[in-house]
Each structure stands twice: as structure tokens, then as C-alpha cells.
Amino acid sequence: MILLPNTTYVTLYSELAEAMLLEFHSPKPEADLYVTHENGHQSFTEAAQDQFDDFSGIVENVLRGVGIGQDFHLAETENMVVVPVVKGQADGIN
């Protein structure tokens, strides 16, 4: 399995799910999918958020099906050392 840093994985499935949402509603104006709040932040409408969540689930299932997952925080692994294990030597280093 290919493990991506959590932030990369979330960005990947989010971007793909949003692209699916926009394509699904094409050529409907994006204004129908987003709402701008008083503080200026923009988010999906409630209906669009529900669809985004559904598309996110589909994308995550596809990623998992092809062996892509999330499992670590990049900052925690920056100093990791990869040590190859030779078959038959997994119990210790000789």
C-alpha cells in the first residue's frame, strides 16, 4: 500500500471530490453550490456539502481499492530512517 501524509491524502480526495461535484452540476453556476458567510468565508451549501461528502466517500473507496491510503503526519516522519529488511533477518540485525 502507498501511504501518503495525512495532509496530502486529504487534499487529494478533497480536490477530486470537489471536481466531481463541479462536473456533476455542470453547467450549473458555481454560485448555487457555495455560500459566502458574513465573515467572508465561503463554504458549500448544505445540499452541496452532502453531495461532496458522498463523492469523498467514493473517492476514498477508489483510492483504498488501488492501494493508496493515509497513515502518518509528515512532520513526525521527516527524520525517519528507512532500513531495508533482508528476507530471513526480520527478527534482528546480525
N, C-alpha and C. Protein backbone atom coordinates (compact mmCIF):
# COMPACT_ATOMS: atom_id res chain seq x y z
N MET A 1 0.84 -1.18 0.00
CA MET A 1 0.00 0.00 0.00
C MET A 1 0.89 1.24 0.00
N ILE A 2 0.48 2.24 -0.73
CA ILE A 2 1.18 3.52 -0.75
C ILE A 2 0.52 4.39 0.31
N LEU A 3 1.31 4.81 1.28
CA LEU A 3 0.78 5.66 2.35
C LEU A 3 1.21 7.10 2.13
N LEU A 4 0.25 7.98 2.10
CA LEU A 4 0.51 9.40 1.91
C LEU A 4 0.42 10.11 3.25
N PRO A 5 1.14 11.22 3.39
CA PRO A 5 0.96 12.04 4.60
C PRO A 5 -0.52 12.45 4.68
N ASN A 6 -1.04 12.55 5.89
CA ASN A 6 -2.46 12.87 6.07
C ASN A 6 -2.89 14.12 5.31
N THR A 7 -2.09 15.17 5.37
CA THR A 7 -2.48 16.42 4.70
C THR A 7 -2.54 16.23 3.18
N THR A 8 -1.62 15.46 2.63
CA THR A 8 -1.61 15.20 1.19
C THR A 8 -2.82 14.36 0.80
N TYR A 9 -3.12 13.35 1.60
CA TYR A 9 -4.26 12.47 1.32
C TYR A 9 -5.57 13.25 1.35
N VAL A 10 -5.75 14.08 2.38
CA VAL A 10 -6.98 14.86 2.50
C VAL A 10 -7.10 15.84 1.33
N THR A 11 -6.00 16.48 0.96
CA THR A 11 -6.02 17.39 -0.18
C THR A 11 -6.39 16.64 -1.45
N LEU A 12 -5.82 15.45 -1.65
CA LEU A 12 -6.09 14.65 -2.83
C LEU A 12 -7.56 14.29 -2.94
N TYR A 13 -8.13 13.69 -1.89
CA TYR A 13 -9.53 13.26 -2.01
C TYR A 13 -10.47 14.46 -2.04
N SER A 14 -10.12 15.54 -1.36
CA SER A 14 -10.97 16.73 -1.37
C SER A 14 -11.02 17.38 -2.75
N GLU A 15 -9.84 17.51 -3.37
CA GLU A 15 -9.78 18.10 -4.71
C GLU A 15 -10.55 17.25 -5.72
N LEU A 16 -10.39 15.93 -5.63
CA LEU A 16 -11.10 15.03 -6.55
C LEU A 16 -12.61 15.08 -6.31
N ALA A 17 -13.03 15.09 -5.06
CA ALA A 17 -14.46 15.13 -4.75
C ALA A 17 -15.07 16.46 -5.20
N GLU A 18 -14.35 17.56 -5.01
CA GLU A 18 -14.87 18.85 -5.46
C GLU A 18 -14.96 18.91 -6.98
N ALA A 19 -13.97 18.33 -7.67
CA ALA A 19 -14.02 18.29 -9.13
C ALA A 19 -15.22 17.48 -9.59
N MET A 20 -15.50 16.37 -8.91
CA MET A 20 -16.67 15.56 -9.25
C MET A 20 -17.96 16.35 -9.02
N LEU A 21 -18.02 17.09 -7.93
CA LEU A 21 -19.19 17.89 -7.61
C LEU A 21 -19.43 18.95 -8.68
N LEU A 22 -18.37 19.65 -9.07
CA LEU A 22 -18.49 20.69 -10.09
C LEU A 22 -18.90 20.09 -11.44
N GLU A 23 -18.32 18.95 -11.78
CA GLU A 23 -18.67 18.29 -13.04
C GLU A 23 -20.11 17.80 -13.01
N PHE A 24 -20.54 17.27 -11.88
CA PHE A 24 -21.90 16.76 -11.73
C PHE A 24 -22.92 17.88 -11.95
N HIS A 25 -22.58 19.08 -11.50
CA HIS A 25 -23.50 20.21 -11.59
C HIS A 25 -23.26 21.08 -12.82
N SER A 26 -22.32 20.69 -13.65
CA SER A 26 -22.02 21.45 -14.86
C SER A 26 -23.21 21.39 -15.80
N PRO A 27 -23.61 22.42 -16.44
CA PRO A 27 -23.07 23.78 -16.46
C PRO A 27 -23.71 24.71 -15.44
N LYS A 28 -24.29 24.15 -14.37
CA LYS A 28 -24.92 24.96 -13.33
C LYS A 28 -23.90 25.92 -12.72
N PRO A 29 -24.28 27.16 -12.51
CA PRO A 29 -23.33 28.13 -11.93
C PRO A 29 -22.83 27.70 -10.55
N GLU A 30 -21.54 27.91 -10.34
CA GLU A 30 -20.95 27.56 -9.05
C GLU A 30 -21.59 28.31 -7.90
N ALA A 31 -22.21 29.45 -8.19
CA ALA A 31 -22.85 30.24 -7.14
C ALA A 31 -23.93 29.44 -6.42
N ASP A 32 -24.51 28.46 -7.11
CA ASP A 32 -25.54 27.63 -6.48
C ASP A 32 -24.97 26.60 -5.53
N LEU A 33 -23.67 26.39 -5.58
CA LEU A 33 -23.03 25.38 -4.75
C LEU A 33 -22.36 25.97 -3.51
N TYR A 34 -22.11 27.26 -3.52
CA TYR A 34 -21.35 27.90 -2.44
C TYR A 34 -22.18 28.99 -1.78
N VAL A 35 -21.87 29.23 -0.52
CA VAL A 35 -22.48 30.33 0.22
C VAL A 35 -21.34 31.12 0.86
N THR A 36 -21.45 32.43 0.84
CA THR A 36 -20.47 33.30 1.48
C THR A 36 -21.04 33.79 2.80
N HIS A 37 -20.31 33.58 3.87
CA HIS A 37 -20.76 33.95 5.21
C HIS A 37 -20.41 35.41 5.50
N GLU A 38 -20.99 35.94 6.57
CA GLU A 38 -20.78 37.34 6.94
C GLU A 38 -19.30 37.66 7.15
N ASN A 39 -18.53 36.68 7.62
CA ASN A 39 -17.11 36.90 7.87
C ASN A 39 -16.26 36.80 6.60
N GLY A 40 -16.93 36.55 5.45
CA GLY A 40 -16.23 36.48 4.18
C GLY A 40 -15.80 35.08 3.77
N HIS A 41 -15.89 34.13 4.69
CA HIS A 41 -15.51 32.75 4.36
C HIS A 41 -16.57 32.13 3.46
N GLN A 42 -16.11 31.29 2.57
CA GLN A 42 -17.01 30.62 1.63
C GLN A 42 -17.03 29.12 1.94
N SER A 43 -18.22 28.53 1.85
CA SER A 43 -18.35 27.09 2.05
C SER A 43 -19.44 26.57 1.14
N PHE A 44 -19.58 25.26 1.10
CA PHE A 44 -20.64 24.66 0.31
C PHE A 44 -22.00 24.95 0.95
N THR A 45 -23.04 24.97 0.12
CA THR A 45 -24.39 24.99 0.66
C THR A 45 -24.60 23.66 1.36
N GLU A 46 -25.65 23.54 2.14
CA GLU A 46 -25.90 22.29 2.86
C GLU A 46 -26.07 21.12 1.89
N ALA A 47 -26.82 21.33 0.82
CA ALA A 47 -27.03 20.27 -0.17
C ALA A 47 -25.72 19.90 -0.87
N ALA A 48 -24.93 20.92 -1.23
CA ALA A 48 -23.65 20.66 -1.90
C ALA A 48 -22.69 19.94 -0.95
N GLN A 49 -22.72 20.29 0.33
CA GLN A 49 -21.85 19.62 1.32
C GLN A 49 -22.21 18.15 1.41
N ASP A 50 -23.50 17.84 1.39
CA ASP A 50 -23.93 16.44 1.43
C ASP A 50 -23.41 15.67 0.22
N GLN A 51 -23.51 16.28 -0.95
CA GLN A 51 -23.00 15.63 -2.17
C GLN A 51 -21.48 15.50 -2.13
N PHE A 52 -20.80 16.54 -1.65
CA PHE A 52 -19.35 16.48 -1.52
C PHE A 52 -18.95 15.33 -0.61
N ASP A 53 -19.66 15.17 0.50
CA ASP A 53 -19.36 14.07 1.43
C ASP A 53 -19.55 12.72 0.75
N ASP A 54 -20.61 12.59 -0.05
CA ASP A 54 -20.84 11.34 -0.79
C ASP A 54 -19.70 11.09 -1.78
N PHE A 55 -19.33 12.12 -2.54
CA PHE A 55 -18.24 11.98 -3.50
C PHE A 55 -16.91 11.67 -2.80
N SER A 56 -16.69 12.27 -1.63
CA SER A 56 -15.47 12.00 -0.87
C SER A 56 -15.39 10.53 -0.50
N GLY A 57 -16.52 9.95 -0.10
CA GLY A 57 -16.56 8.54 0.24
C GLY A 57 -16.23 7.67 -0.96
N ILE A 58 -16.77 8.04 -2.13
CA ILE A 58 -16.48 7.29 -3.36
C ILE A 58 -14.99 7.35 -3.67
N VAL A 59 -14.43 8.56 -3.61
CA VAL A 59 -13.00 8.74 -3.92
C VAL A 59 -12.14 7.95 -2.94
N GLU A 60 -12.46 8.02 -1.66
CA GLU A 60 -11.66 7.28 -0.68
C GLU A 60 -11.72 5.78 -0.92
N ASN A 61 -12.89 5.27 -1.31
CA ASN A 61 -13.01 3.85 -1.63
C ASN A 61 -12.16 3.47 -2.84
N VAL A 62 -12.15 4.32 -3.85
CA VAL A 62 -11.33 4.06 -5.04
C VAL A 62 -9.86 4.08 -4.67
N LEU A 63 -9.43 5.09 -3.91
CA LEU A 63 -8.03 5.19 -3.50
C LEU A 63 -7.62 3.94 -2.71
N ARG A 64 -8.45 3.55 -1.78
CA ARG A 64 -8.17 2.36 -0.98
C ARG A 64 -8.10 1.12 -1.87
N GLY A 65 -9.00 1.06 -2.86
CA GLY A 65 -9.03 -0.09 -3.77
C GLY A 65 -7.79 -0.24 -4.63
N VAL A 66 -7.12 0.89 -4.91
CA VAL A 66 -5.89 0.82 -5.71
C VAL A 66 -4.63 0.89 -4.83
N GLY A 67 -4.84 0.79 -3.52
CA GLY A 67 -3.70 0.71 -2.62
C GLY A 67 -3.11 2.03 -2.16
N ILE A 68 -3.93 3.06 -2.11
CA ILE A 68 -3.46 4.36 -1.62
C ILE A 68 -4.21 4.69 -0.34
N GLY A 69 -3.47 5.02 0.71
CA GLY A 69 -4.08 5.34 2.00
C GLY A 69 -3.34 6.44 2.71
N GLN A 70 -3.81 6.74 3.90
CA GLN A 70 -3.16 7.76 4.74
C GLN A 70 -2.77 7.09 6.04
N ASP A 71 -1.64 7.51 6.57
CA ASP A 71 -1.26 6.84 7.81
C ASP A 71 -0.22 7.58 8.63
N PHE A 72 0.19 8.74 8.24
CA PHE A 72 1.20 9.39 9.05
C PHE A 72 1.20 10.90 8.87
N HIS A 73 1.82 11.56 9.82
CA HIS A 73 2.00 13.01 9.77
C HIS A 73 3.40 13.28 9.25
N LEU A 74 3.51 14.05 8.19
CA LEU A 74 4.79 14.31 7.56
C LEU A 74 5.81 14.87 8.55
N ALA A 75 5.39 15.79 9.40
CA ALA A 75 6.32 16.41 10.35
C ALA A 75 6.92 15.38 11.30
N GLU A 76 6.16 14.35 11.63
CA GLU A 76 6.64 13.33 12.56
C GLU A 76 7.62 12.36 11.89
N THR A 77 7.65 12.33 10.58
CA THR A 77 8.47 11.34 9.89
C THR A 77 9.63 11.95 9.11
N GLU A 78 9.83 13.25 9.23
CA GLU A 78 10.90 13.91 8.48
C GLU A 78 12.26 13.31 8.77
N ASN A 79 12.48 12.86 9.99
CA ASN A 79 13.80 12.35 10.37
C ASN A 79 13.84 10.83 10.42
N MET A 80 12.84 10.18 9.83
CA MET A 80 12.82 8.73 9.82
C MET A 80 13.96 8.19 8.95
N VAL A 81 14.46 7.07 9.35
CA VAL A 81 15.48 6.38 8.57
C VAL A 81 14.85 5.09 8.06
N VAL A 82 14.93 4.86 6.79
CA VAL A 82 14.40 3.63 6.21
C VAL A 82 15.51 2.60 6.20
N VAL A 83 15.23 1.46 6.80
CA VAL A 83 16.21 0.38 6.87
C VAL A 83 15.65 -0.80 6.10
N PRO A 84 16.33 -1.21 5.04
CA PRO A 84 15.84 -2.38 4.30
C PRO A 84 15.97 -3.64 5.14
N VAL A 85 14.96 -4.49 5.04
CA VAL A 85 14.98 -5.75 5.77
C VAL A 85 15.18 -6.86 4.75
N VAL A 86 16.22 -7.65 4.97
CA VAL A 86 16.50 -8.78 4.10
C VAL A 86 15.67 -9.96 4.58
N LYS A 87 15.05 -10.65 3.65
CA LYS A 87 14.22 -11.79 3.99
C LYS A 87 15.01 -12.76 4.87
N GLY A 88 14.42 -13.15 6.00
CA GLY A 88 15.07 -14.06 6.92
C GLY A 88 15.79 -13.34 8.05
N GLN A 89 15.91 -12.01 7.96
CA GLN A 89 16.59 -11.24 9.01
C GLN A 89 15.64 -10.30 9.72
N ALA A 90 14.36 -10.55 9.63
CA ALA A 90 13.38 -9.65 10.24
C ALA A 90 13.40 -9.69 11.76
N ASP A 91 13.97 -10.75 12.37
CA ASP A 91 13.98 -10.87 13.81
C ASP A 91 15.07 -10.04 14.49
N GLY A 92 16.01 -9.59 13.75
CA GLY A 92 17.08 -8.80 14.35
C GLY A 92 18.21 -8.59 13.36
N ILE A 93 19.11 -7.71 13.72
CA ILE A 93 20.24 -7.42 12.86
C ILE A 93 21.42 -8.26 13.29
N ASN A 94 22.05 -8.95 12.39
CA ASN A 94 23.20 -9.82 12.69
C ASN A 94 24.50 -9.13 12.41
